[in-house]
């Protein structure tokens, strides 16, 4: 069985017995796909090693796409390999596998298109650079402002958004399967779906910010007009809901893939 879940941000209690997301009893025949912001690769150290050991001991296989809160420099240290028809990186051999951007995978007889990444919206206080001679001064100002900020290559990485080359590779891979897949796995959503989310939150009286459009949401909007699929799963927006019949936003939930 294949299950889908959302952002973990380095907190992996949901994969333990009695986890807060009602984790099923996973076996060696099960696979869990995380829709970005796994948070396993964030900083090297004892915690990272312990987390890798934890996943190495689990019976299930964990797959994931990049979010915006991932250490992309750490990710780049792992070699790209081929797996089930697409490019991956084995973070923990055969246990934790990153599904690269723009790939099409054949998993349990179904076709999955994957494309990780998103634009961070928690950086209204700016992105600071440690190599900036004024870093300490700017850091103190940022701390005093009360606005969220990030630090380049420490808590924010420019690779959170894709390159033109990655998007073009996705187009080539989708053309090879006539733009027909069973499932789409991403971190963020298209412009249209973001607008639907804004409308939902606005009606509920809890819209605090608008979701930015960018190179990735624009590309997903392009795909909405030409890609055939049964369900699109995504995370990033920290909610659990069906936005409509073909778009499932997921956060805490861990749900089986809807077989169509």
Foldseek 3Di string as FASTA:
>chain_A
DEKEFEACQLPDQLCDVVRPQNRDPDALVYEYEYQANPNLAADDDDSSVVVLVVQVPDRYAYEYEHEFFHLVVVVVVFDWDDDQFATWGCPNPRHYIYGDALTWGQDPNFIEHEHEADDDPQAPLEEAEPPDPCRVVSVVVSVVVPGGHYYDSNGGDPPRDPDPVSLVSNVVNCVVVQLEGAEYRYADEAPVLQVLVQVVCVVVVHDDDRGDDDPVNPSRVVSVVGHHYQAYEYENPQDADASDRRYTYHHSHMGHDDDD
